[in-house]
N, C-alpha and C. Protein backbone atom coordinates (compact mmCIF):
# COMPACT_ATOMS: atom_id res chain seq x y z
N UNK A 1 -9.43 2.49 26.98
CA UNK A 1 -9.90 1.69 26.73
C UNK A 1 -8.94 1.63 25.25
N UNK A 2 -8.69 2.36 24.20
CA UNK A 2 -7.91 2.72 23.19
C UNK A 2 -6.47 1.51 23.18
N UNK A 3 -5.92 1.61 24.35
CA UNK A 3 -4.87 0.95 24.90
C UNK A 3 -5.39 -0.51 24.75
N UNK A 4 -6.32 -0.82 25.09
CA UNK A 4 -6.72 -2.66 25.77
C UNK A 4 -6.91 -2.72 23.56
N UNK A 5 -7.73 -1.45 23.70
CA UNK A 5 -7.73 -2.68 22.21
C UNK A 5 -6.82 -3.14 21.34
N UNK A 6 -5.36 -2.08 21.22
CA UNK A 6 -4.45 -2.08 20.66
C UNK A 6 -4.01 -3.86 20.31
N UNK A 7 -3.72 -4.21 22.33
CA UNK A 7 -3.62 -5.50 22.62
C UNK A 7 -4.20 -6.05 22.50
N UNK A 8 -5.84 -6.22 22.24
CA UNK A 8 -6.55 -7.44 21.82
C UNK A 8 -6.80 -7.23 20.61
N UNK A 9 -6.79 -6.73 19.73
CA UNK A 9 -6.41 -6.56 18.29
C UNK A 9 -5.45 -7.35 17.93
N UNK A 10 -4.12 -7.02 18.46
CA UNK A 10 -2.69 -8.26 18.14
C UNK A 10 -3.00 -9.68 18.62
N UNK A 11 -4.05 -9.86 20.22
CA UNK A 11 -3.96 -11.38 20.38
C UNK A 11 -5.32 -12.00 19.68
N UNK A 12 -6.19 -10.78 19.17
CA UNK A 12 -7.40 -12.06 17.86
C UNK A 12 -6.24 -12.45 16.53
N UNK A 13 -5.45 -10.86 16.21
CA UNK A 13 -4.66 -11.89 15.36
C UNK A 13 -3.46 -12.66 15.13
N UNK A 14 -3.09 -12.96 16.00
CA UNK A 14 -2.53 -14.19 16.33
C UNK A 14 -3.69 -15.42 16.49
N UNK A 15 -4.52 -15.51 16.99
CA UNK A 15 -5.75 -16.43 17.09
C UNK A 15 -6.22 -16.62 15.92
N UNK A 16 -7.04 -16.09 15.06
CA UNK A 16 -6.76 -16.10 13.82
C UNK A 16 -6.04 -17.04 12.88
N UNK A 17 -4.87 -16.53 13.08
CA UNK A 17 -4.04 -16.82 11.90
C UNK A 17 -3.18 -18.65 12.37
N UNK A 18 -3.21 -18.93 13.94
CA UNK A 18 -2.92 -19.59 14.25
C UNK A 18 -4.22 -20.93 13.68
N UNK A 19 -5.92 -20.66 14.47
CA UNK A 19 -6.39 -21.30 13.99
C UNK A 19 -6.93 -21.32 12.55
N UNK A 20 -6.41 -20.51 11.12
CA UNK A 20 -6.79 -20.56 9.87
C UNK A 20 -5.46 -21.55 9.56
N UNK A 21 -4.33 -21.59 9.82
CA UNK A 21 -3.52 -22.16 9.73
C UNK A 21 -3.79 -24.10 9.77
N UNK A 22 -4.01 -23.95 11.52
CA UNK A 22 -4.25 -25.66 11.68
C UNK A 22 -5.12 -26.45 10.42
N UNK A 23 -6.46 -25.07 9.81
CA UNK A 23 -6.93 -25.53 9.87
C UNK A 23 -6.90 -26.21 8.00
N UNK A 24 -5.83 -25.39 6.89
CA UNK A 24 -5.21 -25.23 6.23
C UNK A 24 -4.89 -26.50 6.12
N UNK A 25 -3.73 -26.70 7.01
CA UNK A 25 -2.52 -27.95 7.49
C UNK A 25 -3.74 -28.87 7.54
N UNK A 26 -4.25 -29.14 7.96
CA UNK A 26 -6.00 -30.45 8.30
C UNK A 26 -6.09 -30.31 7.08
N UNK A 27 -6.32 -29.97 6.07
CA UNK A 27 -7.21 -30.03 4.58
C UNK A 27 -6.17 -30.53 3.67
N UNK A 28 -4.83 -29.89 4.33
CA UNK A 28 -3.78 -29.96 2.66
C UNK A 28 -3.32 -31.56 2.98
N UNK A 29 -3.89 -32.04 3.99
CA UNK A 29 -3.23 -33.41 4.53
C UNK A 29 -4.41 -34.38 3.72
N UNK A 30 -5.60 -33.93 3.93
CA UNK A 30 -6.55 -34.66 3.30
C UNK A 30 -6.34 -34.56 1.99
N UNK A 31 -6.81 -33.52 1.54
CA UNK A 31 -6.73 -33.50 -0.12
C UNK A 31 -5.46 -34.30 -0.24
N UNK A 32 -4.39 -34.62 0.21
CA UNK A 32 -2.79 -34.46 -0.22
C UNK A 32 -3.33 -36.34 -0.33
N UNK A 33 -4.20 -37.08 0.58
CA UNK A 33 -4.03 -38.28 0.69
C UNK A 33 -5.14 -39.07 -0.95
N UNK A 34 -5.84 -37.78 -0.48
CA UNK A 34 -6.74 -38.13 -1.70
C UNK A 34 -6.33 -37.86 -3.49
N UNK A 35 -5.10 -37.00 -3.83
CA UNK A 35 -4.40 -36.57 -4.87
C UNK A 35 -3.68 -38.37 -4.63
N UNK A 36 -2.98 -39.62 -4.12
CA UNK A 36 -2.47 -40.15 -4.30
C UNK A 36 -2.44 -40.67 -5.36
N UNK A 37 -1.41 -40.12 -6.63
CA UNK A 37 -1.67 -41.50 -7.71
C UNK A 37 -2.33 -40.78 -8.93
N UNK A 38 -2.32 -39.32 -8.70
CA UNK A 38 -3.45 -38.60 -9.21
C UNK A 38 -2.20 -38.07 -10.80
N UNK A 39 -2.43 -37.67 -11.31
CA UNK A 39 -1.79 -36.94 -12.90
C UNK A 39 -1.47 -35.58 -12.52
N UNK A 40 -0.55 -34.91 -13.24
CA UNK A 40 -0.08 -33.61 -12.72
C UNK A 40 -0.84 -32.73 -13.06
N UNK A 41 -1.73 -33.05 -14.34
CA UNK A 41 -3.25 -32.05 -14.69
C UNK A 41 -4.31 -31.97 -13.80
N UNK A 42 -4.82 -33.28 -12.67
CA UNK A 42 -5.39 -32.97 -12.34
C UNK A 42 -4.63 -32.07 -10.43
N UNK A 43 -3.65 -32.60 -10.06
CA UNK A 43 -3.00 -31.70 -8.90
C UNK A 43 -3.31 -30.75 -9.17
N UNK A 44 -2.72 -30.03 -10.65
CA UNK A 44 -2.66 -28.48 -10.52
C UNK A 44 -4.19 -27.93 -10.32
N UNK A 45 -5.09 -28.39 -11.19
CA UNK A 45 -6.19 -28.08 -10.81
C UNK A 45 -6.80 -27.89 -9.40
N UNK A 46 -6.57 -28.23 -8.63
CA UNK A 46 -6.93 -29.21 -7.55
C UNK A 46 -6.96 -27.60 -6.79
N UNK A 47 -4.94 -27.62 -6.44
CA UNK A 47 -4.24 -26.94 -6.07
C UNK A 47 -4.75 -25.32 -6.29
N UNK A 48 -5.01 -24.99 -7.39
CA UNK A 48 -5.88 -23.43 -7.35
C UNK A 48 -6.88 -23.56 -7.82
N UNK A 49 -7.40 -24.53 -7.80
CA UNK A 49 -9.04 -24.49 -7.52
C UNK A 49 -9.14 -23.40 -6.12
N UNK A 50 -10.59 -22.30 -6.06
CA UNK A 50 -10.40 -21.34 -5.73
C UNK A 50 -10.94 -21.80 -3.65
N UNK A 51 -11.36 -22.67 -3.76
CA UNK A 51 -11.50 -24.04 -2.86
C UNK A 51 -10.38 -24.51 -1.68
N UNK A 52 -9.20 -24.46 -2.63
CA UNK A 52 -8.02 -25.17 -1.82
C UNK A 52 -7.56 -24.51 -1.05
N UNK A 53 -6.92 -25.78 0.18
CA UNK A 53 -6.02 -25.13 1.24
C UNK A 53 -6.09 -23.94 0.99
N UNK A 54 -4.48 -23.75 0.01
CA UNK A 54 -3.75 -23.15 -1.00
C UNK A 54 -3.64 -22.42 -0.76
N UNK A 55 -5.12 -21.30 -1.49
CA UNK A 55 -5.69 -20.49 -1.44
C UNK A 55 -5.85 -19.96 -0.52
N UNK A 56 -6.99 -20.69 0.77
CA UNK A 56 -7.44 -20.46 1.41
C UNK A 56 -6.27 -19.42 2.20
N UNK A 57 -5.28 -20.44 2.31
CA UNK A 57 -3.57 -19.56 3.35
C UNK A 57 -3.30 -18.45 2.55
N UNK A 58 -3.39 -18.17 1.36
CA UNK A 58 -2.49 -17.24 0.89
C UNK A 58 -3.13 -16.21 0.86
N UNK A 59 -5.07 -15.62 0.99
CA UNK A 59 -5.75 -15.05 1.61
C UNK A 59 -5.55 -14.96 3.42
N UNK A 60 -5.20 -16.43 3.80
CA UNK A 60 -5.19 -15.85 5.51
C UNK A 60 -3.58 -15.08 5.64
N UNK A 61 -2.51 -15.21 4.76
CA UNK A 61 -1.49 -14.40 4.84
C UNK A 61 -1.76 -13.56 4.81
N UNK A 62 -2.35 -13.24 3.79
CA UNK A 62 -2.64 -11.65 3.04
C UNK A 62 -2.72 -10.30 4.56
N UNK A 63 -4.56 -11.38 4.32
CA UNK A 63 -5.58 -10.70 5.85
C UNK A 63 -4.16 -10.64 6.98
N UNK A 64 -3.57 -11.39 7.48
CA UNK A 64 -2.75 -11.03 8.30
C UNK A 64 -1.96 -9.98 8.78
N UNK A 65 -1.06 -9.67 7.55
CA UNK A 65 -0.61 -8.78 7.02
C UNK A 65 -1.23 -7.29 7.17
N UNK A 66 -2.58 -7.08 6.37
CA UNK A 66 -3.09 -6.14 6.17
C UNK A 66 -3.84 -5.89 7.83
N UNK A 67 -3.77 -6.23 8.14
CA UNK A 67 -4.01 -6.17 9.84
C UNK A 67 -2.96 -5.78 11.05
N UNK A 68 -1.63 -6.65 10.93
CA UNK A 68 -1.02 -6.30 11.32
C UNK A 68 0.09 -4.28 11.00
N UNK A 69 -0.87 -3.98 9.86
CA UNK A 69 -0.06 -3.00 8.80
C UNK A 69 -0.83 -1.90 9.49
N UNK A 70 -2.91 -2.68 10.02
CA UNK A 70 -3.39 -1.50 10.69
C UNK A 70 -3.10 -1.28 11.52
N UNK A 71 -2.78 -2.05 12.40
CA UNK A 71 -2.10 -1.87 14.27
C UNK A 71 -1.05 -1.38 13.78
N UNK A 72 -0.13 -1.59 13.28
CA UNK A 72 1.14 -0.14 13.34
C UNK A 72 0.70 0.67 13.33
N UNK A 73 -0.18 1.54 12.29
CA UNK A 73 -0.69 2.76 11.90
C UNK A 73 -1.27 3.54 12.81
N UNK A 74 -1.86 2.62 13.59
CA UNK A 74 -3.17 2.61 14.93
C UNK A 74 -2.10 3.00 16.68
N UNK A 75 -0.76 2.11 16.37
CA UNK A 75 0.34 2.40 17.47
C UNK A 75 0.67 3.69 17.54
N UNK A 76 0.99 4.14 15.67
CA UNK A 76 1.15 5.95 15.68
C UNK A 76 0.76 6.37 16.47
N UNK A 77 -0.11 6.68 15.72
CA UNK A 77 -1.83 7.16 16.27
C UNK A 77 -1.51 7.15 17.97
N UNK A 78 -1.34 6.05 18.74
CA UNK A 78 -1.43 6.20 19.81
C UNK A 78 -0.28 6.92 20.54
N UNK A 79 1.07 6.48 19.72
CA UNK A 79 2.07 7.18 20.55
C UNK A 79 2.48 8.62 20.72
N UNK A 80 1.27 9.29 19.05
CA UNK A 80 0.89 10.85 19.08
C UNK A 80 -0.03 11.42 20.37
N UNK A 81 -1.09 10.31 20.69
CA UNK A 81 -1.84 11.29 21.52
C UNK A 81 -1.08 11.26 22.98
N UNK A 82 0.14 10.03 23.19
CA UNK A 82 0.45 9.55 24.51
C UNK A 82 1.51 11.40 25.25
N UNK A 83 2.05 10.71 23.82
CA UNK A 83 2.84 12.69 24.17
C UNK A 83 2.38 14.20 23.47
N UNK A 84 1.38 13.94 22.58
CA UNK A 84 0.55 15.12 22.27
C UNK A 84 -1.46 15.70 22.74
N UNK A 85 -1.21 14.69 22.49
CA UNK A 85 -2.84 14.51 22.66
C UNK A 85 -3.88 13.95 21.12
N UNK A 86 -4.75 15.13 20.33
CA UNK A 86 -5.51 14.11 19.89
C UNK A 86 -5.03 15.08 17.94
N UNK A 87 -4.65 16.19 18.56
CA UNK A 87 -5.02 16.73 16.85
C UNK A 87 -3.42 16.87 16.79
N UNK A 88 -2.72 17.13 15.55
CA UNK A 88 -1.11 17.65 14.84
C UNK A 88 -1.19 18.53 15.18
N UNK A 89 0.43 18.77 14.82
CA UNK A 89 0.18 20.18 14.53
C UNK A 89 0.32 21.19 13.52
N UNK A 90 -0.52 20.40 12.36
CA UNK A 90 -1.02 20.63 11.18
C UNK A 90 -2.25 21.13 11.61
N UNK A 91 -3.24 21.28 13.32
CA UNK A 91 -4.64 21.16 13.21
C UNK A 91 -5.32 19.86 12.40
N UNK A 92 -4.83 18.89 11.91
CA UNK A 92 -5.59 18.41 11.34
C UNK A 92 -5.62 16.61 12.97
N UNK A 93 -6.65 16.47 13.08
CA UNK A 93 -6.71 14.91 13.84
C UNK A 93 -6.07 13.77 13.71
N UNK A 94 -5.81 13.54 14.83
CA UNK A 94 -4.87 11.78 14.22
C UNK A 94 -5.46 11.16 14.44
N UNK A 95 -6.62 10.59 13.85
CA UNK A 95 -7.22 8.95 13.26
C UNK A 95 -7.47 9.47 12.19
N UNK A 96 -7.79 11.04 11.86
CA UNK A 96 -7.76 10.94 10.30
C UNK A 96 -6.51 11.35 9.26
N UNK A 97 -5.21 11.63 10.05
CA UNK A 97 -3.61 12.19 9.08
C UNK A 97 -3.49 10.74 8.64
N UNK A 98 -2.66 11.18 7.35
CA UNK A 98 -2.08 9.83 6.96
C UNK A 98 -0.67 9.66 7.82
N UNK A 99 -0.28 8.40 7.75
CA UNK A 99 0.64 7.52 8.24
C UNK A 99 2.64 8.39 7.88
N UNK A 100 2.40 8.92 7.19
CA UNK A 100 3.51 10.02 7.43
C UNK A 100 3.47 11.46 7.73
N UNK A 101 2.17 11.69 7.96
CA UNK A 101 1.47 13.25 8.40
C UNK A 101 2.40 12.49 9.97
N UNK A 102 1.64 11.45 10.77
CA UNK A 102 2.01 11.11 12.22
C UNK A 102 3.45 10.77 12.51
N UNK A 103 4.30 10.45 11.08
CA UNK A 103 6.09 10.27 11.49
C UNK A 103 6.18 11.62 11.48
N UNK A 104 6.11 12.64 10.68
CA UNK A 104 7.16 13.52 10.47
C UNK A 104 6.38 14.89 11.71
N UNK A 105 5.20 14.64 12.54
CA UNK A 105 4.78 15.51 13.80
C UNK A 105 5.62 14.54 14.72
N UNK A 106 5.68 13.56 14.86
CA UNK A 106 7.05 12.55 15.80
C UNK A 106 8.12 12.87 15.12
N UNK A 107 8.84 13.67 14.21
CA UNK A 107 10.05 13.60 13.97
C UNK A 107 10.30 14.51 14.43
N UNK A 108 9.54 15.94 14.50
CA UNK A 108 9.61 17.46 14.84
C UNK A 108 10.01 16.81 16.43
N UNK A 109 9.28 15.90 17.01
CA UNK A 109 9.39 16.82 18.64
C UNK A 109 11.00 15.83 18.71
N UNK A 110 11.58 14.81 18.04
CA UNK A 110 12.73 14.47 18.27
C UNK A 110 12.64 13.08 18.36
N UNK A 111 11.09 12.64 17.35
CA UNK A 111 11.33 11.21 17.67
C UNK A 111 11.01 10.06 16.70
N UNK A 112 12.34 10.15 16.70
CA UNK A 112 12.60 9.33 15.11
C UNK A 112 11.62 7.97 14.88
N UNK A 113 11.37 7.63 14.16
CA UNK A 113 10.60 6.59 14.20
C UNK A 113 11.10 5.15 13.64
N UNK A 114 12.05 5.70 12.33
CA UNK A 114 12.53 5.08 11.92
C UNK A 114 13.72 3.97 12.93
N UNK A 115 14.36 4.50 14.05
CA UNK A 115 14.92 4.46 14.71
C UNK A 115 14.10 3.15 16.40
N UNK A 116 12.89 2.52 15.61
CA UNK A 116 12.41 2.12 16.47
C UNK A 116 12.57 0.44 16.21
N UNK A 117 12.47 0.01 17.85
CA UNK A 117 12.77 -1.86 16.79
C UNK A 117 11.82 -3.17 16.08
N UNK A 118 12.35 -3.02 15.05
CA UNK A 118 11.22 -3.58 14.27
C UNK A 118 10.85 -3.06 13.33
N UNK A 119 11.12 -1.35 13.08
CA UNK A 119 10.15 -0.86 12.36
C UNK A 119 10.87 -1.33 11.08
N UNK A 120 12.09 -1.73 10.56
CA UNK A 120 12.23 -2.35 8.70
C UNK A 120 10.81 -3.77 9.12
N UNK A 121 11.08 -3.70 9.85
CA UNK A 121 10.20 -5.84 8.96
C UNK A 121 8.35 -4.44 9.59
N UNK A 122 8.46 -3.95 10.37
CA UNK A 122 7.24 -3.26 10.04
C UNK A 122 6.90 -2.54 8.23
N UNK A 123 7.89 -1.95 7.89
CA UNK A 123 8.02 -1.58 6.72
C UNK A 123 8.16 -2.63 5.31
N UNK A 124 8.41 -3.55 5.39
CA UNK A 124 8.42 -4.63 4.76
C UNK A 124 6.42 -5.10 4.59
N UNK A 125 5.35 -5.43 5.70
CA UNK A 125 4.41 -5.54 5.98
C UNK A 125 3.91 -4.45 5.53
N UNK A 126 4.53 -3.02 5.64
CA UNK A 126 3.40 -2.04 5.15
C UNK A 126 3.98 -1.87 3.25
N UNK A 127 5.26 -2.73 2.65
CA UNK A 127 5.18 -2.95 1.28
C UNK A 127 4.12 -4.09 0.75
N UNK A 128 4.12 -4.81 1.73
CA UNK A 128 3.83 -6.69 1.43
C UNK A 128 2.05 -5.58 1.28
N UNK A 129 1.67 -5.18 2.06
CA UNK A 129 -0.21 -4.81 2.09
C UNK A 129 0.13 -3.64 1.62
N UNK A 130 0.78 -2.94 0.87
CA UNK A 130 0.23 -2.09 -0.35
C UNK A 130 0.67 -2.91 -2.21
N UNK A 131 1.77 -3.64 -1.69
CA UNK A 131 1.83 -4.28 -2.74
C UNK A 131 0.02 -5.43 -3.62
N UNK A 132 -0.44 -5.96 -2.27
CA UNK A 132 -1.66 -6.50 -2.75
C UNK A 132 -2.59 -4.86 -3.04
N UNK A 133 -2.79 -4.38 -2.49
CA UNK A 133 -3.40 -3.02 -2.76
C UNK A 133 -3.57 -2.48 -3.68
N UNK A 134 -2.69 -2.22 -3.68
CA UNK A 134 -2.20 -0.88 -4.96
C UNK A 134 -1.31 -1.13 -6.13
N UNK A 135 -0.76 -2.33 -6.28
CA UNK A 135 -0.38 -2.72 -7.57
C UNK A 135 -0.06 -4.40 -7.57
N UNK A 136 -1.47 -4.59 -7.34
CA UNK A 136 -1.72 -5.97 -7.70
C UNK A 136 -0.86 -7.30 -7.84
N UNK A 137 -1.08 -7.32 -6.99
CA UNK A 137 0.29 -7.85 -5.66
C UNK A 137 1.93 -8.10 -6.01
N UNK A 138 2.14 -7.04 -6.82
CA UNK A 138 2.88 -6.75 -8.34
C UNK A 138 4.27 -5.45 -5.92
N UNK A 139 6.09 -5.72 -6.64
CA UNK A 139 6.06 -5.72 -6.11
C UNK A 139 6.85 -3.93 -6.29
N UNK A 140 7.48 -3.17 -5.84
CA UNK A 140 7.31 -1.60 -6.50
C UNK A 140 8.15 -1.46 -7.44
N UNK A 141 7.42 -0.91 -8.06
CA UNK A 141 7.62 -0.46 -9.59
C UNK A 141 9.07 -0.09 -10.25
N UNK A 142 9.58 -0.46 -10.54
CA UNK A 142 11.11 -0.31 -11.27
C UNK A 142 11.79 1.69 -10.90
N UNK A 143 12.53 2.23 -10.59
CA UNK A 143 12.51 3.85 -10.16
C UNK A 143 12.00 4.49 -12.10
N UNK A 144 12.17 4.23 -12.94
CA UNK A 144 11.87 4.60 -14.50
C UNK A 144 10.51 4.87 -14.28
N UNK A 145 9.67 4.04 -13.51
CA UNK A 145 8.06 4.34 -13.38
C UNK A 145 7.25 5.01 -12.43
N UNK A 146 8.34 5.64 -11.53
CA UNK A 146 7.84 6.85 -10.33
C UNK A 146 8.00 8.19 -11.27
N UNK A 147 6.62 9.10 -10.69
CA UNK A 147 6.61 10.15 -11.25
C UNK A 147 7.73 10.40 -9.58
N UNK A 148 8.33 11.62 -11.24
CA UNK A 148 9.71 12.77 -10.99
C UNK A 148 8.74 12.96 -9.20
N UNK A 149 10.15 13.12 -8.28
CA UNK A 149 9.55 13.00 -6.74
C UNK A 149 9.54 12.46 -5.97
N UNK A 150 8.75 11.11 -6.38
CA UNK A 150 8.57 10.15 -5.92
C UNK A 150 8.92 8.24 -6.17
N UNK A 151 11.07 8.88 -6.52
CA UNK A 151 11.24 7.48 -6.70
C UNK A 151 11.51 7.30 -5.57
N UNK A 152 11.24 7.37 -4.69
CA UNK A 152 11.22 6.74 -2.92
C UNK A 152 10.94 5.31 -3.63
N UNK A 153 9.07 5.63 -3.87
CA UNK A 153 8.35 4.51 -3.81
C UNK A 153 8.95 3.11 -4.93
N UNK A 154 10.05 3.12 -5.16
CA UNK A 154 10.56 2.11 -5.86
C UNK A 154 11.91 1.43 -5.33
N UNK A 155 12.08 2.02 -4.22
CA UNK A 155 12.83 0.96 -3.19
C UNK A 155 11.73 -0.46 -2.81
N UNK A 156 12.72 -1.32 -2.80
CA UNK A 156 11.85 -2.91 -2.35
C UNK A 156 12.43 -3.16 -1.06
N UNK A 157 12.11 -3.53 -0.01
CA UNK A 157 12.35 -3.70 1.21
C UNK A 157 12.44 -5.55 1.63
N UNK A 158 11.49 -6.40 0.68
CA UNK A 158 11.06 -7.32 1.04
C UNK A 158 11.98 -8.43 -0.03
N UNK A 159 11.83 -7.63 -1.26
CA UNK A 159 13.13 -8.66 -1.78
C UNK A 159 13.65 -7.82 -2.50
N UNK A 160 15.13 -6.85 -1.84
CA UNK A 160 15.79 -5.74 -2.49
C UNK A 160 16.68 -6.38 -3.69
N UNK A 161 16.88 -7.42 -3.92
CA UNK A 161 18.38 -8.66 -4.86
C UNK A 161 17.17 -8.17 -5.89
N UNK A 162 15.79 -8.56 -6.02
CA UNK A 162 14.83 -8.96 -6.86
C UNK A 162 15.17 -7.87 -8.68
N UNK A 163 15.20 -7.37 -8.94
CA UNK A 163 15.84 -6.34 -10.16
C UNK A 163 14.66 -6.66 -11.79
N UNK A 164 13.66 -7.17 -11.91
CA UNK A 164 13.16 -7.98 -12.57
C UNK A 164 12.13 -6.31 -12.22
N UNK A 165 11.28 -6.07 -13.54
CA UNK A 165 10.97 -5.08 -13.18
C UNK A 165 9.32 -5.06 -13.26
N UNK A 166 8.55 -6.15 -13.69
CA UNK A 166 7.47 -6.56 -12.78
C UNK A 166 7.85 -7.62 -12.32
N UNK A 167 7.51 -8.13 -10.35
CA UNK A 167 7.96 -9.07 -9.59
C UNK A 167 6.98 -9.21 -8.82
N UNK A 168 5.86 -10.19 -9.11
CA UNK A 168 4.39 -10.59 -8.25
C UNK A 168 5.61 -10.84 -7.19
N UNK A 169 4.98 -10.99 -6.20
CA UNK A 169 5.44 -11.19 -4.43
C UNK A 169 4.18 -12.65 -3.77
N UNK A 170 5.64 -13.91 -3.45
CA UNK A 170 5.09 -15.38 -3.47
C UNK A 170 5.27 -14.93 -1.74
N UNK A 171 4.07 -15.04 -0.93
CA UNK A 171 4.21 -14.98 0.45
C UNK A 171 4.33 -16.41 0.72
N UNK A 172 4.43 -16.96 1.60
CA UNK A 172 4.96 -17.94 2.83
C UNK A 172 4.24 -17.32 3.52
N UNK A 173 3.68 -18.71 4.71
CA UNK A 173 3.78 -18.27 6.04
C UNK A 173 5.11 -17.19 6.83
N UNK A 174 6.34 -17.79 6.80
CA UNK A 174 6.92 -17.04 7.28
C UNK A 174 7.13 -15.20 7.43
N UNK A 175 6.64 -14.80 6.02
CA UNK A 175 5.71 -13.54 5.94
C UNK A 175 5.15 -12.86 7.71
N UNK A 176 3.62 -13.48 7.30
CA UNK A 176 3.28 -13.26 8.71
C UNK A 176 3.15 -13.27 9.98
N UNK A 177 4.19 -14.85 10.14
CA UNK A 177 5.14 -15.29 11.40
C UNK A 177 5.46 -14.62 11.65
N UNK A 178 6.47 -14.10 10.77
CA UNK A 178 7.81 -12.68 10.82
C UNK A 178 6.88 -11.27 11.18
N UNK A 179 5.97 -11.26 10.56
CA UNK A 179 5.21 -9.65 11.00
C UNK A 179 4.69 -9.89 12.37
N UNK A 180 4.10 -10.89 12.98
CA UNK A 180 3.49 -10.59 13.70
C UNK A 180 4.81 -10.97 15.24
N UNK A 181 5.64 -11.15 14.90
CA UNK A 181 6.52 -11.10 15.62
C UNK A 181 7.41 -9.73 15.94
N UNK A 182 7.74 -9.07 14.96
CA UNK A 182 7.96 -7.90 14.72
C UNK A 182 6.81 -6.79 15.46
N UNK A 183 5.86 -6.77 15.29
CA UNK A 183 4.46 -6.28 15.67
C UNK A 183 4.44 -6.16 17.30
N UNK A 184 4.71 -7.78 17.75
CA UNK A 184 4.39 -7.64 19.23
C UNK A 184 5.96 -7.39 19.82
N UNK A 185 7.16 -7.40 19.60
CA UNK A 185 8.21 -6.72 20.06
C UNK A 185 8.28 -5.68 19.74
N UNK A 186 7.59 -5.40 19.15
CA UNK A 186 7.57 -3.43 18.51
C UNK A 186 6.70 -2.57 19.54
N UNK A 187 5.67 -3.58 19.71
CA UNK A 187 4.29 -3.30 20.65
C UNK A 187 4.63 -3.01 22.49
N UNK A 188 5.57 -4.25 22.61
CA UNK A 188 6.41 -3.95 23.90
C UNK A 188 7.40 -2.67 23.88
N UNK A 189 8.00 -2.97 23.41
CA UNK A 189 8.81 -1.27 23.43
C UNK A 189 8.01 -0.22 23.43
N UNK A 190 6.99 -0.14 22.23
CA UNK A 190 6.25 1.13 22.73
C UNK A 190 5.71 1.33 24.14
N UNK A 191 5.15 0.26 24.63
CA UNK A 191 4.21 0.58 26.10
C UNK A 191 5.64 0.93 26.72
N UNK A 192 6.73 0.23 26.79
CA UNK A 192 7.89 0.50 27.69
C UNK A 192 8.23 2.14 27.63
N UNK A 193 8.00 2.71 26.28
CA UNK A 193 8.67 3.99 25.76
C UNK A 193 7.31 5.22 26.64
N UNK A 194 6.36 4.81 25.64
CA UNK A 194 5.26 5.72 25.84
C UNK A 194 4.13 5.29 26.31
N UNK A 195 3.68 4.05 27.07
CA UNK A 195 2.83 3.90 27.79
C UNK A 195 1.93 3.30 27.16
N UNK A 196 1.49 3.04 26.09
CA UNK A 196 0.43 2.55 25.22
C UNK A 196 0.27 1.37 25.20
């Protein structure tokens, strides 16, 4: 049943995303027609309004990214369950273990998660998700701001060329669209490898 849930969740995410973007596009077109000839200040007020299609689209993208990130964590749990069961070597239940603990347990079994297809894209989803959850929409903070031993948290995968200390993410539909594609490809590969 859990295996079916993994695939059902992916289809729900894809359906939600397609329907939400369709609605946003219709509303944007309607709003644009209504703003024809308006001054810049009026246009800006309408676009940044909490009920604007732009803001709706932004929350849709964030929702999709967060759900895809959760789905990847769920797939890690399922891989462990497929090869070993429901308990990690530490005695921790796989469903309560951190993502890092599961990845380490898999590595101890010679399963190198970072070598999985599209895993770099999955890590980008994770970075975006954590940026919106933990860093007030900001990209990873520079190495100088990291605690000793946690310098790895400074790595930027989404915009590695950006060297600004405080840099917000600019979410685009491509982030969600590419994320869906990456997760779907990864899940198909995991199904072939581990029957999840």
